[in-house]
N, C-alpha and C. Protein backbone atom coordinates (compact mmCIF):
# COMPACT_ATOMS: atom_id res chain seq x y z
N MET A 1 -18.21 -2.28 11.21
CA MET A 1 -17.69 -1.91 10.12
C MET A 1 -17.81 -3.01 9.10
N PRO A 2 -18.37 -2.60 7.68
CA PRO A 2 -18.72 -3.65 6.78
C PRO A 2 -17.41 -4.32 6.51
N SER A 3 -17.58 -5.62 5.97
CA SER A 3 -16.26 -6.44 5.70
C SER A 3 -15.50 -5.92 4.58
N GLU A 4 -16.25 -5.33 3.75
CA GLU A 4 -15.53 -4.65 2.61
C GLU A 4 -14.52 -3.67 3.00
N ILE A 5 -14.90 -2.78 4.07
CA ILE A 5 -14.04 -1.72 4.57
C ILE A 5 -13.04 -2.21 5.42
N ALA A 6 -13.26 -3.33 6.18
CA ALA A 6 -12.30 -3.86 7.11
C ALA A 6 -11.16 -4.70 6.23
N SER A 7 -11.55 -5.29 5.01
CA SER A 7 -10.71 -5.94 4.27
C SER A 7 -9.73 -4.75 3.62
N LEU A 8 -10.13 -3.72 3.41
CA LEU A 8 -9.40 -2.66 2.87
C LEU A 8 -8.52 -2.18 3.96
N MET A 9 -8.82 -2.11 5.11
CA MET A 9 -8.20 -1.46 6.11
C MET A 9 -6.88 -2.37 6.67
N SER A 10 -6.76 -3.63 6.09
CA SER A 10 -5.66 -4.53 6.52
C SER A 10 -5.23 -5.38 5.12
N TRP A 11 -3.85 -5.14 4.84
CA TRP A 11 -3.26 -5.53 3.60
C TRP A 11 -2.00 -6.52 4.08
N THR A 12 -1.71 -7.54 3.19
CA THR A 12 -0.51 -8.02 3.38
C THR A 12 0.31 -8.14 2.04
N PHE A 13 1.49 -7.35 2.21
CA PHE A 13 2.33 -7.38 1.02
C PHE A 13 3.23 -8.45 0.84
N ALA A 14 3.08 -9.24 -0.14
CA ALA A 14 4.04 -10.42 -0.12
C ALA A 14 5.36 -10.29 -0.66
N GLU A 15 5.39 -9.39 -1.77
CA GLU A 15 6.77 -9.09 -2.18
C GLU A 15 6.67 -7.93 -3.07
N GLU A 16 7.83 -7.26 -3.32
CA GLU A 16 7.85 -6.09 -4.41
C GLU A 16 7.81 -6.67 -5.78
N ILE A 17 7.13 -5.85 -6.69
CA ILE A 17 6.80 -6.21 -7.79
C ILE A 17 7.09 -5.16 -8.90
N PRO A 18 7.27 -5.36 -10.27
CA PRO A 18 7.59 -4.32 -11.09
C PRO A 18 6.34 -3.43 -10.99
N ILE A 19 6.42 -2.20 -11.35
CA ILE A 19 5.20 -1.10 -11.42
C ILE A 19 4.39 -1.56 -12.65
N PRO A 20 3.28 -2.00 -12.51
CA PRO A 20 2.36 -2.41 -13.66
C PRO A 20 2.24 -1.29 -14.71
N ASP A 21 2.33 -1.67 -15.83
CA ASP A 21 2.20 -0.80 -17.07
C ASP A 21 1.08 0.25 -17.28
N ASP A 22 0.08 -0.58 -16.78
CA ASP A 22 -1.31 0.22 -16.92
C ASP A 22 -1.51 1.28 -15.93
N VAL A 23 -0.78 1.30 -14.94
CA VAL A 23 -0.87 2.39 -13.76
C VAL A 23 -0.86 3.78 -14.40
N SER A 24 0.06 3.90 -15.53
CA SER A 24 0.22 5.37 -16.14
C SER A 24 -1.30 5.94 -16.39
N LEU A 25 -2.14 5.02 -16.75
CA LEU A 25 -3.54 5.50 -17.10
C LEU A 25 -4.24 6.20 -15.98
N ILE A 26 -3.86 6.10 -14.85
CA ILE A 26 -4.51 6.80 -13.74
C ILE A 26 -3.59 7.64 -13.03
N LEU A 27 -2.39 7.97 -13.37
CA LEU A 27 -1.64 8.89 -12.77
C LEU A 27 -1.82 10.27 -13.23
N LEU A 28 -1.62 11.34 -12.37
CA LEU A 28 -1.62 12.75 -12.66
C LEU A 28 -0.42 13.14 -13.56
N GLN A 29 -0.16 14.29 -14.13
CA GLN A 29 0.77 14.51 -15.03
C GLN A 29 1.96 14.71 -14.18
N ASN A 30 2.19 15.16 -13.02
CA ASN A 30 3.28 15.34 -12.20
C ASN A 30 3.59 14.24 -11.13
N GLU A 31 2.93 13.02 -11.46
CA GLU A 31 2.77 11.97 -10.36
C GLU A 31 3.73 10.95 -10.96
N VAL A 32 4.54 10.49 -9.88
CA VAL A 32 5.67 9.41 -10.51
C VAL A 32 5.52 8.09 -9.68
N PRO A 33 5.38 6.97 -10.28
CA PRO A 33 5.31 5.75 -9.52
C PRO A 33 6.69 5.49 -8.78
N LYS A 34 6.87 5.02 -7.51
CA LYS A 34 8.09 4.83 -6.83
C LYS A 34 8.21 3.37 -6.61
N ALA A 35 7.24 2.55 -6.25
CA ALA A 35 7.19 1.08 -5.96
C ALA A 35 5.99 0.69 -6.05
N ALA A 36 6.01 -0.86 -6.27
CA ALA A 36 4.71 -1.47 -6.24
C ALA A 36 4.75 -2.83 -5.56
N TYR A 37 3.73 -3.21 -4.87
CA TYR A 37 3.72 -4.57 -3.99
C TYR A 37 2.64 -5.44 -4.35
N LYS A 38 2.83 -6.65 -4.26
CA LYS A 38 1.84 -7.49 -4.34
C LYS A 38 1.19 -7.90 -3.12
N ALA A 39 -0.09 -8.16 -3.31
CA ALA A 39 -0.95 -8.57 -1.93
C ALA A 39 -1.93 -9.45 -2.44
N ALA A 40 -1.75 -10.86 -2.36
CA ALA A 40 -2.61 -11.88 -2.94
C ALA A 40 -2.96 -11.66 -4.28
N ARG A 41 -4.20 -11.44 -4.84
CA ARG A 41 -4.42 -11.03 -6.26
C ARG A 41 -4.41 -9.45 -6.44
N ASP A 42 -4.25 -8.76 -5.39
CA ASP A 42 -4.18 -7.33 -5.45
C ASP A 42 -2.86 -6.85 -5.52
N SER A 43 -2.72 -5.41 -5.64
CA SER A 43 -1.54 -4.78 -5.53
C SER A 43 -1.64 -3.35 -5.06
N ALA A 44 -0.53 -2.72 -4.66
CA ALA A 44 -0.42 -1.47 -4.19
C ALA A 44 0.66 -0.80 -4.84
N ILE A 45 0.47 0.33 -5.27
CA ILE A 45 1.45 0.96 -5.97
C ILE A 45 1.70 2.46 -5.17
N PHE A 46 2.93 2.78 -4.80
CA PHE A 46 3.23 4.05 -4.16
C PHE A 46 3.78 4.92 -5.04
N THR A 47 3.33 6.12 -5.05
CA THR A 47 3.76 7.28 -6.09
C THR A 47 4.22 8.25 -5.06
N ASN A 48 4.61 9.32 -5.75
CA ASN A 48 5.19 10.57 -4.99
C ASN A 48 4.00 11.33 -4.44
N LEU A 49 2.72 10.96 -4.62
CA LEU A 49 1.50 11.61 -4.28
C LEU A 49 0.59 10.94 -3.34
N ARG A 50 0.56 9.57 -3.51
CA ARG A 50 -0.49 8.62 -2.98
C ARG A 50 0.09 7.23 -2.92
N ILE A 51 -0.97 6.50 -2.34
CA ILE A 51 -0.69 4.94 -2.38
C ILE A 51 -2.11 4.69 -3.19
N ILE A 52 -1.90 3.83 -4.31
CA ILE A 52 -2.93 3.25 -5.01
C ILE A 52 -3.15 1.85 -4.61
N PHE A 53 -4.32 1.41 -4.08
CA PHE A 53 -4.53 0.00 -3.78
C PHE A 53 -5.43 -0.48 -4.94
N ARG A 54 -5.09 -1.50 -5.58
CA ARG A 54 -5.87 -2.22 -6.58
C ARG A 54 -6.48 -3.66 -6.26
N ASP A 55 -7.78 -3.58 -6.04
CA ASP A 55 -8.42 -4.78 -5.33
C ASP A 55 -9.04 -5.52 -6.51
N ALA A 56 -8.57 -6.72 -6.93
CA ALA A 56 -9.11 -7.47 -7.94
C ALA A 56 -10.28 -8.32 -7.43
N GLN A 57 -11.31 -8.47 -8.05
CA GLN A 57 -12.71 -8.85 -7.61
C GLN A 57 -13.10 -9.90 -8.75
N GLY A 58 -14.00 -10.88 -8.18
CA GLY A 58 -14.54 -11.87 -9.04
C GLY A 58 -13.65 -13.05 -9.14
N LEU A 59 -14.27 -13.98 -9.84
CA LEU A 59 -13.49 -15.35 -9.83
C LEU A 59 -11.96 -15.16 -10.68
N ARG A 60 -12.07 -14.34 -11.79
CA ARG A 60 -10.93 -14.20 -12.56
C ARG A 60 -10.15 -13.03 -12.28
N GLY A 61 -10.58 -12.06 -11.40
CA GLY A 61 -9.93 -10.86 -11.08
C GLY A 61 -10.03 -9.99 -12.13
N LYS A 62 -10.80 -9.89 -13.24
CA LYS A 62 -10.97 -9.08 -14.33
C LYS A 62 -11.54 -7.75 -13.76
N LYS A 63 -12.38 -7.58 -12.98
CA LYS A 63 -12.97 -6.45 -12.26
C LYS A 63 -12.03 -5.96 -11.27
N VAL A 64 -11.59 -4.61 -11.38
CA VAL A 64 -10.67 -4.23 -10.34
C VAL A 64 -11.10 -2.93 -9.78
N GLU A 65 -11.29 -2.79 -8.60
CA GLU A 65 -11.65 -1.71 -7.81
C GLU A 65 -10.45 -0.90 -7.30
N ILE A 66 -10.33 0.29 -7.56
CA ILE A 66 -9.06 1.11 -7.21
C ILE A 66 -9.42 2.03 -5.95
N TYR A 67 -8.56 2.05 -5.04
CA TYR A 67 -8.63 2.95 -3.85
C TYR A 67 -7.48 3.92 -3.94
N SER A 68 -7.59 5.03 -3.64
CA SER A 68 -6.46 5.99 -3.67
C SER A 68 -6.42 6.54 -2.31
N LEU A 69 -5.25 6.57 -1.71
CA LEU A 69 -5.00 7.28 -0.39
C LEU A 69 -4.01 8.22 -0.68
N PRO A 70 -4.38 9.57 -0.73
CA PRO A 70 -3.48 10.81 -0.80
C PRO A 70 -2.49 10.82 0.54
N PHE A 71 -1.21 11.11 0.20
CA PHE A 71 -0.30 11.07 1.60
C PHE A 71 -0.91 12.16 2.41
N SER A 72 -1.60 13.25 1.90
CA SER A 72 -2.05 14.30 2.61
C SER A 72 -2.97 13.96 3.80
N SER A 73 -3.60 12.71 3.49
CA SER A 73 -4.58 12.16 4.60
C SER A 73 -3.97 11.41 5.55
N ILE A 74 -2.79 11.09 5.51
CA ILE A 74 -2.18 10.32 6.59
C ILE A 74 -1.70 11.40 7.70
N ASN A 75 -2.16 11.09 8.89
CA ASN A 75 -1.95 11.89 10.05
C ASN A 75 -0.61 11.52 10.71
N MET A 76 -0.41 9.98 10.88
CA MET A 76 0.65 9.64 11.52
C MET A 76 0.83 8.14 11.07
N TRP A 77 2.09 7.53 11.14
CA TRP A 77 2.20 6.19 10.80
C TRP A 77 3.40 5.54 11.84
N SER A 78 3.48 4.15 11.75
CA SER A 78 4.37 3.65 12.52
C SER A 78 4.93 2.53 11.83
N SER A 79 6.13 1.89 11.92
CA SER A 79 6.80 0.83 11.27
C SER A 79 7.27 -0.01 12.41
N GLU A 80 7.14 -1.34 12.32
CA GLU A 80 7.69 -2.08 13.24
C GLU A 80 8.43 -3.31 12.42
N ASN A 81 9.78 -3.30 12.69
CA ASN A 81 10.55 -4.26 12.07
C ASN A 81 10.29 -5.67 12.69
N MET A 82 10.78 -6.76 11.82
CA MET A 82 10.60 -8.10 12.13
C MET A 82 11.57 -8.48 13.42
N GLY A 83 11.14 -9.22 14.44
CA GLY A 83 11.88 -9.56 15.55
C GLY A 83 12.54 -10.99 15.06
N VAL A 84 13.23 -11.44 16.10
CA VAL A 84 13.89 -12.87 15.78
C VAL A 84 12.93 -13.96 15.43
N LEU A 85 11.79 -13.98 16.21
CA LEU A 85 10.80 -14.80 16.11
C LEU A 85 9.69 -14.52 15.06
N ASP A 86 9.64 -13.24 14.79
CA ASP A 86 8.46 -12.90 13.94
C ASP A 86 8.65 -13.34 12.54
N SER A 87 7.48 -13.39 11.78
CA SER A 87 7.64 -13.95 10.40
C SER A 87 7.31 -12.60 9.36
N ASP A 88 6.92 -11.52 10.04
CA ASP A 88 6.84 -10.44 9.07
C ASP A 88 6.91 -9.09 9.83
N SER A 89 7.03 -7.93 9.14
CA SER A 89 7.05 -6.53 9.83
C SER A 89 5.78 -5.97 9.43
N GLU A 90 5.52 -4.79 9.96
CA GLU A 90 4.17 -4.24 9.96
C GLU A 90 4.25 -2.59 9.95
N ILE A 91 3.49 -2.15 9.10
CA ILE A 91 3.40 -0.63 9.05
C ILE A 91 1.90 -0.30 9.35
N GLU A 92 1.68 0.75 10.04
CA GLU A 92 0.28 1.19 10.38
C GLU A 92 0.10 2.74 10.18
N LEU A 93 -0.86 2.88 9.41
CA LEU A 93 -1.27 4.21 9.01
C LEU A 93 -2.39 4.71 9.63
N TRP A 94 -2.28 5.87 10.33
CA TRP A 94 -3.44 6.55 10.85
C TRP A 94 -4.00 7.70 9.98
N THR A 95 -5.36 7.39 9.37
CA THR A 95 -5.71 8.41 8.36
C THR A 95 -7.14 9.01 8.71
N ARG A 96 -7.53 9.95 8.02
CA ARG A 96 -8.89 10.64 8.10
C ARG A 96 -9.94 9.54 8.11
N SER A 97 -9.81 8.48 7.43
CA SER A 97 -10.83 7.44 7.29
C SER A 97 -10.63 6.17 8.17
N GLY A 98 -9.56 6.31 8.92
CA GLY A 98 -9.43 5.15 9.87
C GLY A 98 -7.96 4.52 9.77
N ASN A 99 -7.71 3.59 10.60
CA ASN A 99 -6.43 2.99 10.48
C ASN A 99 -6.34 1.88 9.64
N ILE A 100 -5.06 1.78 8.94
CA ILE A 100 -4.79 0.89 7.79
C ILE A 100 -3.52 0.10 8.30
N LYS A 101 -3.64 -1.31 8.47
CA LYS A 101 -2.37 -2.09 8.79
C LYS A 101 -2.08 -2.78 7.43
N ILE A 102 -0.56 -2.66 7.46
CA ILE A 102 -0.08 -3.43 6.25
C ILE A 102 1.02 -4.17 6.74
N LYS A 103 0.87 -5.47 6.51
CA LYS A 103 1.90 -6.51 7.12
C LYS A 103 2.95 -6.73 5.82
N LEU A 104 4.06 -6.93 5.97
CA LEU A 104 5.09 -7.05 5.00
C LEU A 104 5.92 -8.49 5.12
N GLY A 105 5.87 -9.21 3.92
CA GLY A 105 6.64 -10.31 3.94
C GLY A 105 8.25 -10.06 4.28
N ARG A 106 8.99 -11.33 4.37
CA ARG A 106 10.26 -11.30 4.64
C ARG A 106 11.02 -10.56 3.64
N GLY A 107 10.75 -10.62 2.44
CA GLY A 107 11.49 -10.10 1.32
C GLY A 107 11.35 -8.43 1.00
N ILE A 108 10.45 -7.89 1.87
CA ILE A 108 10.08 -6.50 1.55
C ILE A 108 11.07 -5.63 2.65
N ASP A 109 11.72 -4.75 2.02
CA ASP A 109 12.69 -3.83 2.84
C ASP A 109 11.68 -2.69 3.37
N ILE A 110 11.45 -2.97 4.79
CA ILE A 110 10.47 -1.95 5.49
C ILE A 110 11.14 -0.54 5.73
N ARG A 111 12.40 -0.38 5.76
CA ARG A 111 12.92 0.94 5.67
C ARG A 111 12.76 1.65 4.39
N GLN A 112 12.71 0.90 3.17
CA GLN A 112 12.44 1.55 1.87
C GLN A 112 11.07 2.15 1.89
N LEU A 113 10.10 1.30 2.31
CA LEU A 113 8.70 1.54 2.32
C LEU A 113 8.35 2.66 3.20
N ASP A 114 9.13 2.72 4.45
CA ASP A 114 8.91 3.78 5.34
C ASP A 114 9.40 5.08 4.72
N ASN A 115 10.42 4.99 4.08
CA ASN A 115 11.09 6.22 3.36
C ASN A 115 10.09 6.80 2.28
N HIS A 116 9.33 5.80 1.60
CA HIS A 116 8.39 6.34 0.68
C HIS A 116 7.26 7.06 1.31
N ILE A 117 6.78 6.46 2.43
CA ILE A 117 5.65 7.07 3.35
C ILE A 117 6.24 8.67 3.67
N THR A 118 7.44 8.65 4.38
CA THR A 118 7.97 9.84 4.87
C THR A 118 8.05 10.97 3.68
N ALA A 119 8.66 10.36 2.51
CA ALA A 119 8.71 11.38 1.46
C ALA A 119 7.31 11.81 0.97
N GLY A 120 6.33 11.06 1.09
CA GLY A 120 5.13 11.56 0.52
C GLY A 120 4.34 12.55 1.67
N VAL A 121 4.44 12.09 2.90
CA VAL A 121 3.77 12.76 4.03
C VAL A 121 4.51 14.12 4.33
N CYS A 122 5.78 14.02 4.44
CA CYS A 122 6.44 15.27 4.87
C CYS A 122 7.12 16.18 3.91
N ARG A 123 6.39 16.25 2.80
CA ARG A 123 6.91 17.22 1.59
C ARG A 123 6.38 18.56 1.83
C-alpha cells in the first residue's frame, strides 16, 4: 500500500475544534457541519452526509488536499473506549476503500463521535 494511502487510513484526532469557516465552500446545499477535529496540521469535519478529511501539505501547509468519505460507503464501524491504563480511544471504519483507524485523544467524547457516525450511516 502506498504511504500516501496508508497515512490516510490512520488518523489521530487530538481535540475538537470549531468548524472552519471555509468549509462552507465545499458543502452541498443540504449539508450541515456537525463537528470538527484537529489532527496534527490536518483536520476532519463531520457533516450530516460525510466525513471531510483536510490534509495540509508542504512546509507551510498552504496546499490542502481534501478527502471525502460519504457515510454511505461505510459498511461497519467499531468504537473502543479508553481503558484505565490506555491513553486514547479508537474508532475503526470499514469502508469500500479499506479500513480507516481513528485514534482519539483524551479530550474527545467518543460517544458523541460514535453518534455522528451512527446518524450518518443509519439514516
